[in-house]
Protein backbone atom coordinates (compact mmCIF):
# COMPACT_ATOMS: atom_id res chain seq x y z
CA MET A 1 21.25 -18.24 14.12
CA PRO A 2 18.81 -15.51 15.07
CA GLY A 3 20.31 -12.04 15.31
CA ARG A 4 19.72 -8.46 14.33
CA HIS A 5 22.25 -5.99 12.96
CA ARG A 6 21.08 -2.40 13.13
CA TYR A 7 22.74 0.30 11.07
CA PHE A 8 21.84 3.58 9.37
CA PHE A 9 22.71 5.60 6.31
CA ASP A 10 22.54 9.36 5.92
CA VAL A 11 21.21 11.64 3.20
CA ASP A 12 23.68 14.48 3.58
CA GLY A 13 23.21 18.22 3.53
CA LEU A 14 19.43 18.50 3.44
CA ARG A 15 18.49 20.04 6.80
CA ILE A 16 18.82 23.68 7.70
CA ASP A 17 20.84 22.75 10.81
CA ASP A 18 23.39 20.96 8.57
CA PHE A 19 22.48 17.53 9.96
CA PRO A 20 21.47 14.76 7.54
CA TRP A 21 18.23 12.88 7.35
CA ARG A 22 19.07 9.47 8.81
CA ILE A 23 17.41 6.24 7.70
CA HIS A 24 17.68 3.25 10.05
CA VAL A 25 17.87 -0.34 8.81
CA HIS A 26 17.38 -3.60 10.72
CA GLN A 27 19.22 -6.44 8.99
CA PHE A 28 18.50 -10.10 9.69
CA GLY A 29 20.77 -12.80 8.31
CA ARG A 30 24.02 -12.33 6.42
CA GLY A 31 24.50 -15.63 4.67
CA ASP A 32 23.93 -16.88 1.16
CA GLY A 33 20.39 -16.86 -0.14
CA PRO A 34 17.67 -14.44 -1.14
CA ALA A 35 17.81 -10.74 -0.27
CA THR A 36 14.58 -8.89 0.51
CA ALA A 37 13.90 -5.34 1.72
CA ILE A 38 10.69 -4.55 3.60
CA VAL A 39 9.88 -0.86 3.87
CA ALA A 40 7.23 1.23 5.67
CA GLY A 41 6.71 4.87 6.56
CA ILE A 42 6.93 6.14 2.96
CA ILE A 43 3.77 8.20 3.58
CA GLY A 44 3.89 10.48 6.61
CA ASP A 45 0.32 9.94 7.87
CA LYS A 46 0.45 6.12 7.85
CA PRO A 47 2.05 5.06 11.14
CA LEU A 48 0.34 1.66 11.34
CA GLY A 49 2.74 0.15 8.81
CA VAL A 50 5.68 1.49 10.81
CA LEU A 51 4.42 -0.26 13.95
CA ALA A 52 3.80 -3.47 12.01
CA LEU A 53 7.43 -3.59 10.87
CA HIS A 54 8.72 -3.16 14.42
CA GLU A 55 6.50 -6.08 15.42
CA LEU A 56 7.92 -8.04 12.48
CA CYS A 57 11.45 -7.32 13.74
CA ARG A 58 10.60 -8.68 17.17
CA THR A 59 9.40 -11.90 15.57
CA LEU A 60 12.45 -12.19 13.31
CA ASP A 61 14.62 -11.81 16.42
CA THR A 62 13.45 -15.30 17.39
CA LEU A 63 13.94 -17.02 14.02
CA PRO A 64 16.86 -18.30 11.95
CA VAL A 65 16.95 -16.29 8.71
CA ARG A 66 18.45 -17.48 5.44
CA GLY A 67 19.93 -14.89 3.13
CA SER A 68 19.38 -11.26 4.13
CA VAL A 69 16.24 -9.39 5.17
CA TYR A 70 16.45 -5.60 5.45
CA VAL A 71 13.61 -4.01 7.43
CA ILE A 72 13.22 -0.21 7.21
CA PRO A 73 10.26 0.83 9.40
CA ALA A 74 10.66 4.62 8.97
CA ALA A 75 11.86 5.03 5.39
CA ASN A 76 10.73 8.65 5.11
CA PRO A 77 11.70 10.51 8.30
CA PHE A 78 11.11 13.82 6.49
CA GLY A 79 7.48 12.90 5.83
CA LEU A 80 6.85 11.26 9.20
CA THR A 81 8.00 14.48 10.85
CA GLY A 82 5.40 16.39 8.84
CA MET A 83 2.69 13.80 9.69
CA MET A 84 0.91 14.28 6.34
CA ARG A 85 0.54 12.44 3.03
CA HIS A 86 2.68 15.05 1.31
CA ASN A 87 6.15 15.81 2.57
CA PRO A 88 6.94 19.26 3.99
CA ASP A 89 8.30 20.24 0.54
CA LEU A 90 4.71 19.71 -0.72
CA VAL A 91 5.31 16.60 -2.81
CA GLU A 92 4.36 12.98 -2.19
CA LEU A 93 7.46 10.80 -1.85
CA ASN A 94 5.83 7.77 -3.45
CA ARG A 95 5.40 9.71 -6.69
CA ARG A 96 9.07 10.81 -6.88
CA PHE A 97 11.00 7.58 -7.46
CA PRO A 98 13.61 6.82 -8.73
CA GLY A 99 14.50 10.27 -7.38
CA ASN A 100 17.34 12.60 -8.18
CA THR A 101 20.60 13.57 -6.49
CA VAL A 102 20.05 17.29 -7.10
CA GLY A 103 16.28 17.66 -6.87
CA SER A 104 14.01 18.55 -3.96
CA THR A 105 14.47 17.03 -0.53
CA SER A 106 11.94 14.33 -1.44
CA ASP A 107 13.72 13.64 -4.74
CA GLN A 108 17.04 13.19 -2.95
CA LEU A 109 15.51 10.98 -0.27
CA ALA A 110 13.85 8.82 -2.93
CA HIS A 111 17.13 8.41 -4.80
CA ALA A 112 19.15 7.57 -1.69
CA LEU A 113 16.57 5.07 -0.38
CA LEU A 114 16.06 3.18 -3.63
CA ASP A 115 19.77 3.19 -4.47
CA HIS A 116 20.65 1.80 -1.02
CA ILE A 117 18.08 -0.99 -1.29
CA LEU A 118 18.84 -2.06 -4.85
CA GLU A 119 22.53 -2.39 -4.01
CA ARG A 120 21.59 -5.05 -1.45
CA ALA A 121 18.25 -6.66 -2.34
CA ASP A 122 16.48 -7.98 -5.43
CA CYS A 123 12.99 -7.77 -3.93
CA ILE A 124 11.15 -4.84 -2.28
CA ILE A 125 7.97 -5.15 -0.24
CA ASP A 126 6.50 -1.70 0.44
CA VAL A 127 4.06 -1.78 3.38
CA HIS A 128 1.37 0.91 3.50
CA SER A 129 -1.58 1.19 5.82
CA GLY A 130 -4.70 3.24 5.93
CA THR A 131 -4.79 6.38 8.02
CA PRO A 132 -6.65 7.26 11.22
CA VAL A 133 -9.63 8.24 9.01
CA ARG A 134 -9.36 5.77 6.09
CA LYS A 135 -9.21 1.97 5.86
CA THR A 136 -7.55 0.07 3.01
CA HIS A 137 -7.45 -3.62 2.12
CA PHE A 138 -5.62 -4.76 -1.06
CA ALA A 139 -2.20 -5.20 -2.63
CA TYR A 140 -0.60 -3.87 -5.80
CA ASP A 141 1.14 -6.48 -7.95
CA TYR A 142 4.12 -5.52 -10.13
CA GLY A 143 4.49 -8.57 -12.31
CA ASN A 144 5.09 -11.37 -9.79
CA LEU A 145 1.59 -12.45 -8.83
CA GLU A 146 2.76 -15.41 -6.75
CA LEU A 147 4.95 -13.19 -4.58
CA THR A 148 2.20 -10.63 -3.94
CA ALA A 149 -0.50 -13.25 -3.37
CA SER A 150 1.71 -15.12 -0.89
CA PHE A 151 0.86 -12.37 1.64
CA GLY A 152 -2.45 -14.20 1.83
CA TYR A 153 -4.73 -11.78 3.66
CA VAL A 154 -5.77 -9.20 1.04
CA PRO A 155 -7.01 -9.29 -2.57
CA VAL A 156 -4.41 -8.54 -5.24
CA MET A 157 -4.94 -5.77 -7.79
CA VAL A 158 -3.17 -6.42 -11.10
CA ASP A 159 -2.07 -4.12 -13.94
CA ARG A 160 -2.37 -0.90 -11.94
CA HIS A 161 1.09 0.68 -11.71
CA THR A 162 1.52 4.35 -10.88
CA PRO A 163 4.57 6.23 -12.21
CA GLY A 164 6.84 7.44 -9.43
CA GLN A 165 6.02 4.68 -6.97
CA MET A 166 9.03 3.02 -5.40
CA CYS A 167 7.81 -0.40 -6.55
CA THR A 168 7.29 0.81 -10.12
CA SER A 169 10.89 2.06 -10.22
CA ALA A 170 12.22 -1.08 -8.54
CA ARG A 171 10.47 -3.24 -11.14
CA ALA A 172 11.91 -1.11 -13.95
CA ALA A 173 15.37 -1.72 -12.44
CA GLY A 174 14.85 -5.49 -12.58
CA ALA A 175 13.82 -6.15 -8.97
CA GLN A 176 10.71 -7.93 -7.75
CA ALA A 177 8.20 -5.71 -5.95
CA SER A 178 4.89 -5.72 -4.08
CA LEU A 179 2.94 -3.02 -2.25
CA ILE A 180 0.65 -4.03 0.61
CA GLU A 181 -2.23 -1.83 1.85
CA PHE A 182 -3.91 -2.81 5.12
CA GLY A 183 -5.87 -1.46 8.07
CA GLY A 184 -6.65 2.08 9.12
CA ALA A 185 -9.48 3.92 10.89
CA SER A 186 -10.50 1.70 13.85
CA SER A 187 -8.70 -1.35 12.36
CA ASN A 188 -5.37 -0.78 14.07
CA ASP A 189 -4.22 -4.38 14.63
CA THR A 190 -0.80 -5.03 13.08
CA ALA A 191 -1.24 -8.83 13.09
CA ILE A 192 -2.56 -9.06 9.52
CA ALA A 193 0.57 -7.29 8.26
CA THR A 194 3.12 -9.16 10.36
CA ASP A 195 1.56 -12.56 9.59
CA GLY A 196 1.29 -11.76 5.88
CA LEU A 197 4.88 -10.54 5.70
CA LEU A 198 6.09 -13.69 7.43
CA ASN A 199 4.18 -15.65 4.77
CA MET A 200 6.04 -13.69 2.09
CA LEU A 201 9.41 -14.27 3.74
CA ALA A 202 8.65 -18.00 3.90
CA PHE A 203 7.67 -17.92 0.23
CA ARG A 204 10.97 -16.18 -0.57
CA GLY A 205 12.86 -18.91 1.29
CA HIS A 206 14.11 -16.79 4.20
CA ILE A 207 12.36 -18.63 7.03
CA ASP A 208 10.67 -21.94 7.81
CA ARG A 209 7.14 -21.28 9.00
CA GLU A 210 3.71 -22.81 8.67
CA PRO A 211 1.63 -20.49 6.47
CA THR A 212 -1.30 -18.61 7.94
CA GLY A 213 -4.38 -16.98 6.47
CA PRO A 214 -6.90 -17.88 3.78
CA ASP A 215 -6.22 -20.70 1.34
CA ARG A 216 -7.28 -18.64 -1.70
CA VAL A 217 -6.69 -15.05 -2.80
CA GLU A 218 -9.05 -12.88 -4.87
CA ILE A 219 -7.53 -11.31 -8.01
CA ILE A 220 -8.92 -7.90 -8.93
CA ASP A 221 -8.56 -6.64 -12.48
CA GLN A 222 -11.33 -4.04 -12.58
CA VAL A 223 -11.18 -1.11 -10.18
CA LYS A 224 -13.31 2.00 -9.73
CA LEU A 225 -12.25 5.01 -7.66
CA PHE A 226 -14.68 7.59 -6.33
CA PHE A 227 -13.22 11.08 -5.90
CA ALA A 228 -15.35 13.87 -4.46
CA SER A 229 -15.99 16.86 -6.69
CA ARG A 230 -17.84 18.86 -4.02
CA ALA A 231 -17.00 19.88 -0.48
CA GLY A 232 -19.24 18.68 2.32
CA ALA A 233 -20.02 15.79 4.64
CA LEU A 234 -19.38 12.31 3.23
CA ASP A 235 -21.76 9.59 4.38
CA GLY A 236 -23.24 6.34 3.14
CA PRO A 237 -24.40 2.82 4.02
CA HIS A 238 -20.96 1.20 3.73
CA ASP A 239 -18.28 2.63 5.99
CA HIS A 240 -14.77 1.39 6.73
CA ALA A 241 -16.05 -1.58 8.76
CA LYS A 242 -17.09 -3.22 5.46
CA VAL A 243 -13.74 -2.74 3.73
CA GLY A 244 -12.59 -6.15 2.48
CA ALA A 245 -16.15 -7.43 2.09
CA ARG A 246 -18.41 -7.69 -0.93
CA ILE A 247 -21.08 -5.00 -1.08
CA PRO A 248 -24.26 -4.74 -3.16
CA PRO A 249 -24.55 -2.53 -6.25
CA GLY A 250 -26.29 0.82 -6.00
CA ILE A 251 -25.53 3.94 -4.01
CA LEU A 252 -22.17 3.64 -2.25
CA GLY A 253 -22.19 7.07 -0.59
CA TRP A 254 -22.95 10.74 -0.99
CA VAL A 255 -21.79 14.25 -0.13
CA THR A 256 -24.15 16.53 1.82
CA ASN A 257 -24.04 20.33 1.89
CA VAL A 258 -23.41 21.16 5.56
CA ILE A 259 -25.25 24.50 5.23
CA THR A 260 -28.45 23.46 3.47
CA GLY A 261 -28.58 19.68 3.99
CA GLU A 262 -28.84 19.21 0.23
CA ARG A 263 -27.32 16.05 -1.25
CA LEU A 264 -24.69 17.42 -3.63
CA GLU A 265 -23.19 14.28 -5.11
CA GLU A 266 -23.78 10.53 -5.12
CA PHE A 267 -21.37 7.68 -5.75
CA ARG A 268 -22.89 4.69 -7.50
CA LEU A 269 -21.77 1.12 -8.17
CA GLU A 270 -23.02 -0.45 -11.40
CA ASP A 271 -25.80 -3.02 -11.19
CA ILE A 272 -25.26 -6.68 -12.02
CA GLY A 273 -25.89 -7.08 -15.74
CA GLU A 274 -24.80 -3.51 -16.50
CA ARG A 275 -21.73 -2.69 -18.58
CA ALA A 276 -18.89 -0.88 -16.82
CA GLY A 277 -15.13 -0.42 -17.07
CA GLU A 278 -14.76 2.87 -18.92
CA GLY A 279 -15.08 6.54 -18.10
CA SER A 280 -15.06 8.37 -14.78
CA GLY A 281 -13.70 6.33 -11.91
CA PHE A 282 -12.13 3.72 -14.17
CA ASP A 283 -9.68 6.19 -15.72
CA ARG A 284 -7.31 6.57 -12.76
CA TRP A 285 -4.56 4.53 -14.42
CA GLY A 286 -5.22 5.83 -17.94
CA PRO A 287 -6.88 4.42 -21.05
CA SER A 288 -4.47 1.49 -21.39
CA VAL A 289 -6.18 -0.46 -18.58
CA MET A 290 -9.79 0.55 -19.31
CA ARG A 291 -11.93 -2.10 -20.94
CA SER A 292 -15.64 -2.64 -21.00
CA PHE A 293 -16.95 -5.56 -18.95
CA LEU A 294 -20.29 -6.95 -17.90
CA VAL A 295 -20.82 -6.74 -14.13
CA GLN A 296 -21.57 -10.27 -12.97
CA SER A 297 -20.83 -10.12 -9.24
CA GLU A 298 -20.81 -7.80 -6.26
CA PRO A 299 -17.59 -5.81 -5.92
CA LEU A 300 -15.15 -5.81 -3.02
CA LEU A 301 -14.90 -2.59 -1.04
CA MET A 302 -11.16 -1.81 -1.03
CA VAL A 303 -11.00 1.68 0.50
CA SER A 304 -13.41 3.77 2.58
CA GLN A 305 -13.26 6.81 4.77
CA ALA A 306 -14.48 6.47 8.35
CA LEU A 307 -18.00 7.85 8.02
CA PRO A 308 -19.29 10.49 8.36
CA ALA A 309 -16.33 12.62 7.33
CA MET A 310 -15.72 16.11 6.03
CA ILE A 311 -14.41 15.92 2.48
CA GLN A 312 -12.93 18.29 -0.10
CA PRO A 313 -12.95 18.16 -3.91
CA GLY A 314 -10.33 15.69 -5.09
CA THR A 315 -10.42 13.53 -1.95
CA LEU A 316 -10.67 9.77 -2.49
CA ALA A 317 -13.94 8.74 -0.87
CA PHE A 318 -14.19 5.06 -1.84
CA MET A 319 -12.52 2.42 -3.98
CA ALA A 320 -14.11 -0.81 -5.17
CA GLY A 321 -12.93 -3.69 -7.33
CA TRP A 322 -14.42 -6.63 -9.20
CA SER A 323 -12.90 -10.09 -9.03
CA ASP A 324 -13.88 -12.87 -11.44
CA ARG A 325 -11.19 -15.30 -10.28
CA ASN A 326 -9.19 -16.43 -7.30
CA ILE A 327 -6.04 -18.49 -6.97
CA PRO A 328 -4.64 -20.81 -4.29
CA THR A 329 -2.52 -18.80 -1.90
CA PRO A 330 1.08 -19.48 -3.01
CA ARG A 331 3.02 -21.44 -0.40
CA ARG A 332 6.52 -22.84 -0.29
């Protein structure tokens, strides 16, 4: 029968006032069956995912759940307090997993969170969103393409695993894992996340529900990131409103000197018929995933700042990916 059990666990001895950081868990179902953890709030400036998980909980309150579903909307209270991508100890939590019992505050939080989940669940879904100034629209896959694609609403990026991510560490420990990126900027509707997560829970066998969303999912295996190397005002013809859509080759955006008006830097997408896949922008995940390919289609815009925006060297301005295949959205 429907029902929610709420509990918490503490990470002891980390705060100056001698109180622990407390992580709250909403558990649905306690019977035999699959066990899945859904997490948000890993990054402190991404509140949209947090709100989506609370909406998910309200829906699960009304449904019978098989097995166990653990929902952790605010998995990084340390970072959410700081309200920035990096935690107050100046490190990014989602680059610190599997963590350490004697490291920094972020290291200890990472260890406690992952350890708690892996004792109870064999699948982790990490829900990220864009920020108030950046929109995202894709998912990372960690070796179970059907699971990730069952979300249904975003393209799936394959073979792009970053060391230190919670999902990378979960996969290394033998668990299934997916990371969802959605929304941001003016796209602040949580429905795409809650509907997609319900699709995933149905695919995992936790709930009975008619699937929603597109019937096919784009698979992205070539990705280019555009990082600014100059400070200035970022602008361009394709802002966050086009994230998730195909865009034409050519100039994607540029950085303007706010003092002189000079265009300091341009970001360019390769033309159809041009070779791409190696060098700057394709090297984010190292040489092992770089391979030359012939551009045969328009890319999907996966990430964009809300334009115009002030930008610093090293800031991710845009992200685009090429898809040469799609698959039926996995249903069960």
